[in-house]
Structure formats: structure tokens, C-alpha cells
Protein backbone atom coordinates (compact mmCIF):
# COMPACT_ATOMS: atom_id res chain seq x y z
CA MET A 1 -34.41 20.92 -80.49
CA LYS A 2 -35.55 23.39 -77.42
CA LYS A 3 -37.78 20.54 -76.21
CA ILE A 4 -34.94 18.16 -76.22
CA LEU A 5 -32.71 20.57 -75.32
CA SER A 6 -34.72 21.33 -71.88
CA ILE A 7 -35.66 17.79 -71.47
CA ASN A 8 -31.69 16.99 -71.29
CA ALA A 9 -30.98 19.92 -69.03
CA ALA A 10 -33.99 18.43 -66.62
CA VAL A 11 -32.26 15.05 -66.77
CA LEU A 12 -29.35 16.86 -65.87
CA ILE A 13 -30.95 18.64 -62.91
CA PHE A 14 -32.09 15.46 -61.84
CA ILE A 15 -28.97 13.56 -61.91
CA ILE A 16 -26.99 16.34 -60.47
CA SER A 17 -29.50 16.67 -57.58
CA SER A 18 -29.64 12.74 -57.20
CA ALA A 19 -25.73 12.73 -56.26
CA VAL A 20 -25.85 15.86 -53.98
CA LEU A 21 -28.57 13.81 -52.10
CA THR A 22 -26.94 10.39 -52.54
CA GLY A 23 -23.98 12.58 -51.08
CA ILE A 24 -25.45 13.62 -48.16
CA LEU A 25 -27.11 10.39 -47.12
CA ILE A 26 -23.60 8.77 -47.03
CA LYS A 27 -22.33 11.56 -45.28
CA LEU A 28 -25.15 10.86 -42.52
CA GLU A 29 -25.14 7.67 -43.02
CA THR A 30 -21.34 8.17 -42.30
CA LEU A 31 -21.86 10.19 -39.18
CA SER A 32 -24.43 8.10 -37.62
CA LEU A 33 -21.62 5.28 -37.82
CA TYR A 34 -19.52 7.40 -35.61
CA LYS A 35 -22.05 8.05 -33.46
CA GLU A 36 -22.83 4.29 -32.54
CA LYS A 37 -19.17 3.99 -32.95
CA PRO A 38 -17.83 6.41 -29.66
CA ILE A 39 -14.56 6.57 -28.76
CA THR A 40 -13.22 3.85 -25.76
CA THR A 41 -11.82 4.92 -22.12
CA LEU A 42 -8.79 3.03 -23.73
CA GLU A 43 -8.23 5.01 -26.67
CA LYS A 44 -8.23 8.36 -24.76
CA ILE A 45 -5.94 7.01 -22.96
CA ARG A 46 -3.61 5.73 -25.40
CA LYS A 47 -4.47 9.28 -27.16
CA THR A 48 -3.65 11.97 -24.30
CA GLY A 49 -1.07 9.07 -22.84
CA LYS A 50 -2.76 9.75 -19.22
CA ILE A 51 -5.11 7.38 -17.18
CA ARG A 52 -6.79 8.97 -14.07
CA LEU A 53 -7.29 6.90 -10.69
CA ILE A 54 -9.97 7.59 -8.82
CA THR A 55 -9.14 6.68 -5.01
CA ASP A 56 -9.38 7.46 -0.95
CA ASN A 57 -6.88 9.02 0.91
CA ASN A 58 -6.17 6.99 3.69
CA ALA A 59 -2.71 4.86 4.50
CA ASN A 60 -4.27 1.35 2.73
CA THR A 61 -5.14 3.70 -0.51
CA TYR A 62 -2.86 6.24 -1.25
CA TYR A 63 -1.14 8.57 0.69
CA ILE A 64 1.65 11.20 0.23
CA TYR A 65 4.87 10.87 2.10
CA ARG A 66 7.78 13.54 1.37
CA ASP A 67 6.26 14.52 -2.10
CA THR A 68 6.18 10.52 -2.92
CA PRO A 69 3.05 9.31 -3.58
CA MET A 70 2.57 5.93 -1.67
CA GLY A 71 -0.23 2.85 -0.50
CA PHE A 72 -1.57 -0.21 -1.88
CA GLU A 73 -3.93 0.65 -4.42
CA TYR A 74 -1.77 3.31 -5.34
CA ASP A 75 1.45 1.09 -6.40
CA MET A 76 -0.62 -1.28 -7.83
CA ALA A 77 -2.54 1.55 -10.09
CA LYS A 78 1.31 2.44 -10.97
CA ALA A 79 2.00 -0.79 -11.92
CA PHE A 80 -1.00 -0.83 -14.24
CA ALA A 81 -0.59 2.59 -15.93
CA ASP A 82 2.96 1.65 -16.55
CA PHE A 83 1.89 -1.66 -17.98
CA ILE A 84 -0.22 -0.37 -20.78
CA LYS A 85 2.35 2.75 -21.06
CA ALA A 86 0.40 5.71 -19.17
CA ASP A 87 1.22 8.60 -16.82
CA LEU A 88 -1.08 8.36 -13.88
CA GLU A 89 -2.93 10.95 -12.31
CA VAL A 90 -5.34 10.79 -9.42
CA VAL A 91 -8.16 12.08 -8.71
CA ILE A 92 -9.67 12.29 -4.99
CA PRO A 93 -13.50 12.97 -4.47
CA GLY A 94 -14.19 11.72 -1.66
CA TRP A 95 -15.36 8.27 -0.78
CA ASN A 96 -18.93 9.16 -1.68
CA ARG A 97 -18.59 10.51 -4.69
CA MET A 98 -16.16 7.90 -6.19
CA PHE A 99 -18.93 6.37 -8.67
CA ASN A 100 -20.43 9.66 -9.94
CA THR A 101 -17.21 10.96 -10.55
CA LEU A 102 -16.41 7.79 -12.67
CA GLU A 103 -19.98 7.57 -13.70
CA HIS A 104 -19.55 11.75 -15.16
CA GLU A 105 -16.37 10.24 -16.51
CA LYS A 106 -13.90 12.99 -14.16
CA GLY A 107 -11.76 9.61 -13.49
CA ASP A 108 -11.05 5.99 -15.49
CA PHE A 109 -11.43 3.43 -12.88
CA ILE A 110 -11.84 3.33 -8.98
CA ALA A 111 -9.09 1.14 -7.30
CA ALA A 112 -10.01 2.21 -3.42
CA GLY A 113 -10.48 -1.49 -2.13
CA LEU A 114 -13.90 -1.06 -2.93
CA THR A 115 -15.87 -5.00 -2.06
CA ILE A 116 -17.08 -6.68 -5.12
CA THR A 117 -21.01 -6.44 -4.27
CA GLU A 118 -24.40 -6.93 -6.05
CA ASN A 119 -25.56 -3.74 -5.38
CA ARG A 120 -22.35 -1.88 -6.68
CA LYS A 121 -22.43 -4.52 -9.77
CA GLU A 122 -25.56 -2.52 -10.79
CA ARG A 123 -23.53 0.81 -11.49
CA VAL A 124 -19.89 -0.30 -12.22
CA SER A 125 -18.13 -3.29 -13.85
CA PHE A 126 -15.66 -4.93 -11.29
CA SER A 127 -12.45 -6.62 -12.87
CA GLN A 128 -11.20 -10.05 -11.32
CA PRO A 129 -10.90 -10.15 -7.73
CA TYR A 130 -7.09 -9.66 -6.41
CA LEU A 131 -7.50 -10.04 -2.78
CA THR A 132 -9.65 -11.52 -0.23
CA VAL A 133 -11.03 -9.78 3.04
CA GLN A 134 -12.80 -10.13 5.57
CA GLN A 135 -15.34 -7.33 7.46
CA LYS A 136 -14.66 -7.89 11.61
CA LEU A 137 -15.87 -5.74 14.71
CA ILE A 138 -13.52 -3.42 15.98
CA HIS A 139 -13.10 -2.18 19.70
CA HIS A 140 -10.94 -0.95 22.31
CA LYS A 141 -9.12 -3.40 24.45
CA LEU A 142 -11.11 -2.30 27.66
CA ILE A 143 -14.94 -2.89 25.74
CA PHE A 144 -16.36 -5.94 26.00
CA GLY A 145 -16.55 -7.60 22.34
CA ALA A 146 -18.99 -10.10 20.73
CA LYS A 147 -18.85 -13.74 20.45
CA THR A 148 -21.53 -14.06 17.75
CA ILE A 149 -23.85 -12.04 15.81
CA GLU A 150 -26.42 -12.36 17.89
CA ASP A 151 -24.42 -10.66 20.96
CA LEU A 152 -24.69 -7.28 18.50
CA SER A 153 -28.02 -6.49 20.06
CA GLY A 154 -28.37 -3.60 21.85
CA ARG A 155 -24.88 -1.90 20.25
CA THR A 156 -24.39 0.85 18.19
CA ILE A 157 -21.91 1.05 15.76
CA HIS A 158 -20.60 3.26 13.68
CA VAL A 159 -19.84 3.47 9.74
CA ARG A 160 -19.68 5.74 6.70
CA LYS A 161 -22.60 5.34 4.47
CA ASN A 162 -23.02 3.51 1.42
CA THR A 163 -20.00 1.15 1.93
CA SER A 164 -20.27 -2.96 2.88
CA TYR A 165 -20.47 -2.16 5.75
CA HIS A 166 -23.45 -0.41 5.91
CA THR A 167 -25.13 -3.01 3.57
CA ARG A 168 -23.95 -5.96 5.90
CA LEU A 169 -25.27 -4.27 9.46
CA LYS A 170 -28.77 -3.74 7.54
CA GLU A 171 -29.24 -7.20 6.67
CA ILE A 172 -27.90 -7.91 10.68
CA GLN A 173 -30.76 -5.33 11.37
CA ASP A 174 -33.46 -6.76 9.09
CA SER A 175 -32.46 -10.03 10.15
CA GLY A 176 -34.13 -9.25 13.65
CA ILE A 177 -31.10 -8.29 15.81
CA ASP A 178 -31.92 -4.71 17.68
CA ILE A 179 -28.57 -3.14 16.37
CA THR A 180 -28.04 0.96 15.92
CA ILE A 181 -26.28 1.78 13.13
CA LYS A 182 -24.86 5.08 13.07
CA LEU A 183 -23.99 6.33 9.70
CA HIS A 184 -21.18 8.87 8.65
CA ASP A 185 -20.65 11.01 5.40
CA ASN A 186 -17.15 10.40 3.65
CA ILE A 187 -14.98 9.22 7.22
CA PRO A 188 -12.46 6.71 6.16
CA THR A 189 -12.80 3.42 8.01
CA GLU A 190 -9.13 4.56 9.57
CA GLU A 191 -10.36 7.41 11.05
CA PHE A 192 -13.36 5.27 13.12
CA ILE A 193 -10.43 2.92 13.72
CA ARG A 194 -8.71 6.07 15.59
CA MET A 195 -12.05 6.97 17.26
CA VAL A 196 -12.20 3.60 18.73
CA ALA A 197 -8.48 3.45 20.18
CA GLU A 198 -9.51 6.77 21.69
CA ARG A 199 -12.85 5.55 23.34
CA LYS A 200 -14.88 8.50 21.18
CA ILE A 201 -17.05 5.73 19.60
CA LYS A 202 -17.21 1.77 21.03
CA TYR A 203 -17.91 0.11 17.92
CA THR A 204 -16.94 0.22 14.33
CA ILE A 205 -16.48 -2.10 11.17
CA ALA A 206 -13.46 -2.81 9.00
CA ASP A 207 -12.24 -5.12 6.66
CA SER A 208 -9.52 -7.65 7.86
CA ASN A 209 -6.51 -5.71 6.01
CA ILE A 210 -7.22 -2.71 7.03
CA ALA A 211 -7.87 -3.79 10.53
CA LEU A 212 -4.14 -5.40 10.97
CA LEU A 213 -2.14 -2.70 8.84
CA ASN A 214 -4.16 -0.14 11.56
CA ARG A 215 -3.35 -2.01 14.29
CA ARG A 216 0.11 -1.08 14.53
CA TYR A 217 -1.17 2.77 14.77
CA TYR A 218 -3.34 1.86 17.35
CA PRO A 219 -2.51 -0.97 19.37
CA ASP A 220 -5.23 -0.38 22.10
CA ILE A 221 -8.04 -1.60 19.66
CA ARG A 222 -8.67 -5.17 19.00
CA ILE A 223 -9.78 -6.93 15.91
CA GLY A 224 -12.81 -9.18 16.82
CA LEU A 225 -16.10 -10.78 15.60
CA PRO A 226 -16.00 -11.57 11.64
CA VAL A 227 -19.30 -10.09 10.52
CA HIS A 228 -19.85 -11.04 7.70
CA GLU A 229 -18.14 -14.44 5.07
CA GLN A 230 -14.74 -13.26 3.31
CA GLN A 231 -15.25 -10.99 -0.03
CA SER A 232 -13.34 -9.99 -2.58
CA LEU A 233 -12.23 -6.56 -3.49
CA GLY A 234 -11.96 -5.27 -7.33
CA TRP A 235 -10.89 -2.19 -9.14
CA ALA A 236 -14.28 -0.61 -10.90
CA VAL A 237 -15.12 0.77 -14.38
CA ARG A 238 -18.00 2.47 -16.09
CA LYS A 239 -20.92 -0.21 -16.74
CA ASN A 240 -19.70 -2.30 -20.30
CA ASP A 241 -16.53 0.02 -20.61
CA THR A 242 -15.40 -3.60 -22.01
CA ALA A 243 -12.08 -2.68 -23.64
CA LEU A 244 -10.59 -1.25 -20.26
CA LEU A 245 -11.87 -3.97 -18.35
CA GLU A 246 -10.00 -6.52 -20.66
CA LYS A 247 -6.76 -5.04 -20.25
CA ILE A 248 -6.89 -4.24 -15.98
CA ASP A 249 -7.87 -8.22 -15.78
CA LEU A 250 -4.85 -8.87 -18.32
CA PHE A 251 -2.86 -6.66 -16.06
CA LEU A 252 -3.83 -8.60 -12.79
CA GLU A 253 -3.49 -11.87 -13.88
CA THR A 254 0.35 -10.87 -15.48
CA ALA A 255 1.05 -9.13 -12.27
CA GLN A 256 0.54 -12.34 -10.29
CA GLU A 257 3.05 -14.49 -12.83
CA LYS A 258 5.46 -12.13 -12.85
CA GLY A 259 5.29 -11.20 -9.31
CA VAL A 260 4.53 -7.69 -9.41
CA PHE A 261 1.42 -7.90 -7.07
CA GLY A 262 3.67 -10.04 -4.65
CA LYS A 263 6.27 -7.52 -4.42
CA ILE A 264 3.07 -4.69 -3.56
CA TYR A 265 1.71 -6.90 -1.44
CA GLU A 266 4.79 -8.14 0.29
CA LYS A 267 6.06 -4.11 0.91
CA HIS A 268 2.45 -3.30 2.51
CA TYR A 269 1.11 -6.13 4.47
CA GLY A 270 4.07 -8.44 4.23
CA ASP A 271 4.81 -7.77 8.26
CA ILE A 272 1.04 -6.70 9.46
CA ASP A 273 0.81 -10.24 11.45
CA ILE A 274 3.75 -8.76 13.65
CA PHE A 275 2.38 -7.27 16.49
CA ASP A 276 3.95 -7.29 20.20
CA TYR A 277 1.21 -4.99 22.37
CA PHE A 278 3.69 -4.23 24.55
CA ASP A 279 6.70 -3.34 22.20
CA LEU A 280 4.41 -0.93 20.42
CA LYS A 281 2.65 0.53 23.39
CA LYS A 282 6.01 1.51 24.45
CA PHE A 283 6.83 2.97 21.04
CA HIS A 284 4.02 5.15 20.54
CA GLU A 285 4.95 6.47 23.95
CA ARG A 286 8.75 6.44 23.81
CA ILE A 287 8.31 8.71 20.68
CA ASN A 288 7.08 11.71 22.76
CA THR A 289 8.66 10.78 26.16
CA ARG A 290 12.16 10.07 24.71
CA LEU A 291 12.45 10.69 21.32
CA PRO A 292 12.23 14.67 20.97
CA LYS A 293 15.74 14.47 23.46
CA TYR A 294 17.59 13.06 19.92
CA LYS A 295 15.71 14.00 17.73
CA PRO A 296 17.88 17.15 16.47
CA ALA A 297 20.92 15.05 16.56
CA ILE A 298 19.13 12.19 14.29
CA ILE A 299 17.83 15.00 11.45
CA ARG A 300 21.05 16.26 11.05
CA GLU A 301 23.26 13.48 10.82
CA SER A 302 20.41 11.30 8.79
CA GLU A 303 20.46 14.36 6.22
CA LYS A 304 24.80 14.28 5.81
CA PHE A 305 23.80 10.61 4.02
CA ASN A 306 20.58 11.59 2.64
CA PHE A 307 18.62 9.06 4.91
CA ASP A 308 14.90 9.35 5.99
CA TRP A 309 15.43 10.54 9.48
CA ARG A 310 12.57 8.55 10.42
CA MET A 311 13.88 5.18 9.55
CA ILE A 312 17.27 5.79 11.99
CA ALA A 313 14.50 7.12 14.48
CA ALA A 314 13.16 3.15 13.83
CA VAL A 315 16.70 1.69 13.50
CA ILE A 316 17.13 3.18 17.06
CA TYR A 317 14.63 1.92 18.77
CA GLN A 318 14.97 -0.99 17.57
CA GLU A 319 18.47 -1.33 19.26
CA SER A 320 18.16 0.56 22.30
CA HIS A 321 14.68 1.92 22.64
CA TYR A 322 15.96 5.37 22.81
CA ASP A 323 17.77 4.82 26.17
CA PRO A 324 21.73 5.72 25.23
CA MET A 325 22.82 3.60 28.49
CA ALA A 326 21.34 0.43 26.53
CA ARG A 327 23.78 -2.54 26.87
CA SER A 328 23.47 -5.66 25.20
CA ARG A 329 24.86 -9.30 26.91
CA THR A 330 27.29 -9.39 23.73
CA GLY A 331 28.93 -5.53 25.09
CA VAL A 332 27.28 -3.43 22.73
CA LYS A 333 26.60 -0.27 24.36
CA GLY A 334 24.54 3.40 23.38
CA LEU A 335 21.46 4.55 21.44
CA MET A 336 22.70 2.64 17.89
CA GLN A 337 24.90 -0.27 19.68
CA ILE A 338 28.05 -0.05 18.33
CA THR A 339 30.91 -2.27 19.15
CA ARG A 340 34.43 -1.81 20.43
CA GLU A 341 35.72 -1.78 16.57
CA THR A 342 33.15 -0.20 15.01
CA ALA A 343 33.54 2.40 17.91
CA LYS A 344 37.40 2.59 16.89
CA GLU A 345 36.99 2.38 13.03
CA MET A 346 34.03 5.16 13.17
CA GLY A 347 36.29 7.33 15.60
CA ILE A 348 34.02 6.92 18.69
CA LYS A 349 35.24 7.29 22.01
CA ASN A 350 32.56 7.21 24.09
CA ARG A 351 29.84 4.80 22.88
CA ILE A 352 27.04 6.00 25.52
CA ASP A 353 27.43 9.72 24.39
CA PRO A 354 23.96 10.13 22.70
CA GLU A 355 25.41 12.64 20.10
CA GLN A 356 28.58 10.39 19.23
CA SER A 357 26.64 7.24 19.02
CA ILE A 358 24.10 8.46 16.28
CA LYS A 359 26.95 10.09 14.34
CA GLY A 360 29.21 6.71 14.50
CA GLY A 361 25.87 4.38 13.95
CA ILE A 362 24.78 6.67 10.62
CA ARG A 363 28.10 6.54 9.46
CA TYR A 364 28.60 2.87 10.18
CA LEU A 365 24.99 2.33 8.30
CA TYR A 366 26.00 4.08 4.99
CA LYS A 367 29.39 1.71 5.27
CA MET A 368 27.43 -0.78 4.77
CA TYR A 369 25.15 1.02 2.22
CA LYS A 370 27.74 1.85 -0.10
CA ARG A 371 28.96 -1.87 0.07
CA PHE A 372 25.63 -3.02 -2.25
CA ASN A 373 26.21 -0.71 -5.20
CA GLU A 374 24.89 -3.26 -7.26
CA ILE A 375 21.55 -2.93 -5.80
CA LYS A 376 19.83 -0.08 -8.30
CA ASN A 377 16.85 0.12 -5.80
CA ARG A 378 17.89 2.58 -2.94
CA GLU A 379 14.71 0.66 -0.66
CA GLU A 380 16.15 -2.81 -0.85
CA ARG A 381 19.64 -1.49 -1.20
CA LEU A 382 18.74 0.16 2.81
CA LEU A 383 16.95 -3.28 3.95
CA PHE A 384 20.45 -4.93 2.79
CA ALA A 385 22.69 -2.30 4.46
CA LEU A 386 20.35 -2.88 7.42
CA ALA A 387 20.86 -6.73 7.44
CA SER A 388 24.46 -6.02 7.59
CA TYR A 389 24.06 -3.90 10.45
CA ASN A 390 22.39 -6.44 12.76
CA VAL A 391 24.24 -9.55 11.51
CA GLY A 392 27.48 -8.91 9.43
CA TYR A 393 28.15 -7.54 5.87
CA GLY A 394 29.83 -11.54 5.54
CA HIS A 395 26.88 -13.11 6.43
CA VAL A 396 24.54 -10.88 4.26
CA ARG A 397 26.96 -11.96 1.48
CA ASP A 398 27.39 -15.57 2.04
CA ALA A 399 23.20 -15.89 2.19
CA GLN A 400 23.04 -14.04 -1.39
CA LYS A 401 25.42 -16.53 -2.83
CA ILE A 402 22.93 -19.31 -2.04
CA ALA A 403 20.30 -17.26 -3.02
CA VAL A 404 21.97 -17.31 -6.89
CA LYS A 405 22.75 -21.46 -5.90
CA LYS A 406 18.10 -21.83 -5.72
CA GLY A 407 17.86 -19.61 -8.57
CA LEU A 408 16.37 -16.23 -6.49
CA ASP A 409 17.01 -12.77 -6.99
CA LYS A 410 20.13 -12.23 -4.70
CA ASN A 411 19.42 -8.57 -5.01
CA ARG A 412 15.83 -8.93 -3.30
CA TRP A 413 15.18 -8.45 0.14
CA ARG A 414 12.23 -11.19 -0.46
CA SER A 415 14.89 -13.64 -1.82
CA LEU A 416 16.92 -12.46 1.43
CA LYS A 417 14.42 -12.82 4.05
CA LYS A 418 14.02 -16.90 2.76
CA ILE A 419 17.83 -17.15 2.88
CA LEU A 420 18.99 -15.82 5.74
CA PRO A 421 17.45 -18.25 8.19
CA LEU A 422 19.00 -21.13 6.39
CA LEU A 423 22.32 -19.94 8.05
CA THR A 424 21.28 -21.84 11.18
CA GLN A 425 21.23 -25.10 9.28
CA ARG A 426 24.98 -26.66 8.73
CA ARG A 427 24.32 -28.11 5.25
CA TYR A 428 23.96 -24.82 3.78
CA TYR A 429 26.92 -22.42 6.05
CA LYS A 430 29.41 -25.20 5.87
CA GLU A 431 30.19 -24.07 2.23
CA THR A 432 29.80 -20.42 3.03
CA LYS A 433 32.97 -17.78 3.91
CA HIS A 434 31.72 -16.87 7.32
CA GLY A 435 30.00 -19.99 8.99
CA TYR A 436 26.88 -20.16 11.25
CA ALA A 437 24.17 -17.48 11.87
CA ARG A 438 21.11 -16.61 13.02
CA GLY A 439 20.07 -15.96 10.31
CA TRP A 440 16.59 -15.77 11.75
CA GLU A 441 17.28 -12.29 13.31
CA PRO A 442 18.29 -9.96 10.79
CA VAL A 443 14.82 -11.30 9.14
CA THR A 444 12.71 -10.20 12.25
CA TYR A 445 15.04 -6.86 12.84
CA VAL A 446 14.39 -5.54 9.67
CA ASP A 447 10.75 -6.04 9.97
CA ARG A 448 10.21 -4.51 13.41
CA ILE A 449 12.23 -1.49 12.09
CA LEU A 450 10.18 -1.21 9.33
CA THR A 451 7.06 -1.51 11.21
CA TYR A 452 8.33 1.08 12.94
CA TYR A 453 9.27 3.41 10.07
CA ASP A 454 5.80 2.63 9.19
CA ILE A 455 4.64 4.51 12.14
CA LEU A 456 6.76 7.24 12.16
CA LYS A 457 5.43 7.71 8.27
CA GLN A 458 1.75 7.68 9.44
CA LYS A 459 1.90 10.32 12.22
CA ALA A 460 4.08 12.34 9.82
CA ASN A 461 1.25 12.39 6.87
CA LYS A 462 -1.08 13.11 9.84
CA ALA A 463 0.13 16.38 11.58
């Protein structure tokens, strides 16, 4: 009997031990499965509600103006963050440390105007292309450029280390052309362009979009020889981060289809082809020689209506080139080129008095601004007000009605840029309330003001 009990006890102990062992094995297997399926970047983003952008600090990608983040890459990244319903955080480790920052998971993706190259594909996974650019030789207007790649022989070209520019120059060097490549750490392309403009160096390389954008800030540079065929820009994620990459590609496709990309591109690059060397050269000079005299009054009156004083300064330059005695062929006078009727309406007695002109002009602009209260976006609304200041409120309203007939959004400046020039054509203006208008003028007017404003913003950012 005791023997049977002993056997049963042994069996029971064996069963319990087997169950415990099985449980341990199941638990270990479960843990092993967890290790095989780590949480993805996209899952982390959804869990924390935050996505971290790795980028560089410059006019093309990301900068702060009046406590507001700006830049083409930032605006695109912010649109992506909104697309996946996450808050955007910005990480700026310096150009040479961006890839390490990504690989060490201190950021989630890179959006910094990166050229898609084979070397970079070994370290990261790239999104579908979103912009095409071309590398160009940059030199001062007084320095001879080059007509062919062979003409680069004997020249010293300054670029940042580990960039696509560095790679391309090394290819040219390896082909037997005797160039000297001067490499620098973490100096942005914009800084090299400034050094060229100030004749501290003779040559650098820049992507075409960066070169065109910076030409307005440094009108003495020349955008010269293409040194490479066209290349594509893309966003980068960690190698094999498939889920996040698929989400980025979906966003880029959707942004193209729904016009989000077009709107952001237009905001940053829409007028970079507008370049009048002599006008921009004079503008840079008069920022220093003429503007300081009127700056206190501009700031004081702008603040009353919550306008950025630099925008008003851009308007005044477009109107009069900061000349209080300016007078147009139509009889408007002063810094803000006020008509007799407007002066009377705004209580201005002397149109050539700088203080009165600034005060009256800003008040009139604000009046136009208020009349477009149905436009909720402040930036868009101000562009409509500026167009009205130039061509007249009635003509802008006429253009809006034509926009509706053509199926365009009447409250978007992109629509008005297309429609306003149509007011020169009888088949359009004959059905409007206010008739013919030189509709191309307000488009050029606003574009130039935005160029001057951008220059003033960048000067403030670098101060």
C-alpha cells in the first residue's frame, strides 16, 4: 500500500514538474516572440503622440521667425505630422550628425533636402522622390565661372564634408580633372553662398533650389555650370523601417493629389525665378541707407494693427523705394503712394510727409484687410488686401467671382494669381462690375513684396 502511494506521489510530482516546466517553456517562447517583434517606430509615434523630425537649420529647411517655425522641409514635415495625427518635434544635431542621430533612434526621420544617392541608401531607406534638383557651380559675378567640367581644372571648390557635392567633386577629381576640394564640417550651403558673395571664397556647389532661393539674399552671386545630372530629394528613415516609410510615401502621394505639396512649394519657391539684379541690389543698399530713417514710424504704426513691420517695410519699398518725394504718373505721392481720395478718407493732409504717409497707408491697408474677413487664414487675407491696395478692392472681388465660375477656391491667393490677369481680356471683364483692370500688376506687385519681405525676414533671422 505504501509502495503504491509512493508511486502515485512520484507520478504526481512528475506531472506537476512537467506542468511547471511546460509553463516556463511557454513563457520563454512567448518572451522570445516579443523579442522577435519589437515595437515599430510608427507604433511608438502612435503611443506617444509625437514624431521627431531631424533636419538642419537654414532658410531652405527650418528656421524660427518671430517665434514661429518656418522653412519648406518644416512645413512639409508639419503637414505629415498632421496627416498621422501626431505632434511634431524638431531635432537639429548638425548636418554631419543627422544620420547618426537617426540610427541611434534620437529622431524618427530626416527631412533636410537630402539627395538620394547610392552611398546613402546603404545607411538609410529613402522615401519616394518629392523634388528634382541639379547641382550648380556658384561664383561671384566678378569671378569667371566655367563652361565645361574640364574648365574646373586648377580651381578650389569649398563644400561641406559627406554631402552629395563632396561625392560629385570626388568623381570629377578621380576622372583626372585637377580640382582642389576644400572640405568643411557642418557649414550649411547657404553659408558658403554668403562667403562667395562676400568674395571670401571663389567657388562652391549648391542644389538649384537652394541657389535660386539664396540669389535674392545675395544678388552678386552667379548660378553657373551644372556639375551633375538632375537628382531627386527624399526623406530618410532607419534601414528597413517599413511601416513608417510606407506612411511617408502615402502622405507624399496624397499631398501631391490634394494640392498640399503645391501650396507649400508655392509659398517657398513660387517666385524664386523673379530676379531683377539691379532692383535687389538697390534694395539691399537702401535697407541700410534709407530704411533706418523711417523704421521707428513703420514699427509703431504696424504694431497698432498687428502687422509685421517688415511686411510693411516691403510694401513701402515696392511703392516708393523709401523715397518720400516719390510721385507716379497717375499722381499718387509719398512713401506709400497715397491718392488724393485715400488721403482725404484717412485724414492725411500732406502726402509727402513720411509720418503721415506711413500712418495713412497702413490704416488704408488695414481697411482692405478687414473687408476680407471671410478669409480665415491671416497670411492669405493679407495678400488679398495687398492686391486691393494696388489694383482696387472692386477688381479683386470681380476676380473672386470669376474664380468661382472656373471652379477655383476664391479665397486662395493661388487662384487669384491665375484669375487677376484675365481682367485684361474683354470676354472676362465685360461681365464684371468694375470692368477692365491691368490684372497682371497686382500679381507682380504681391510677388515682389513677398520677395522683399523674405529678405527682411532672413536678415532678422541672421541678426
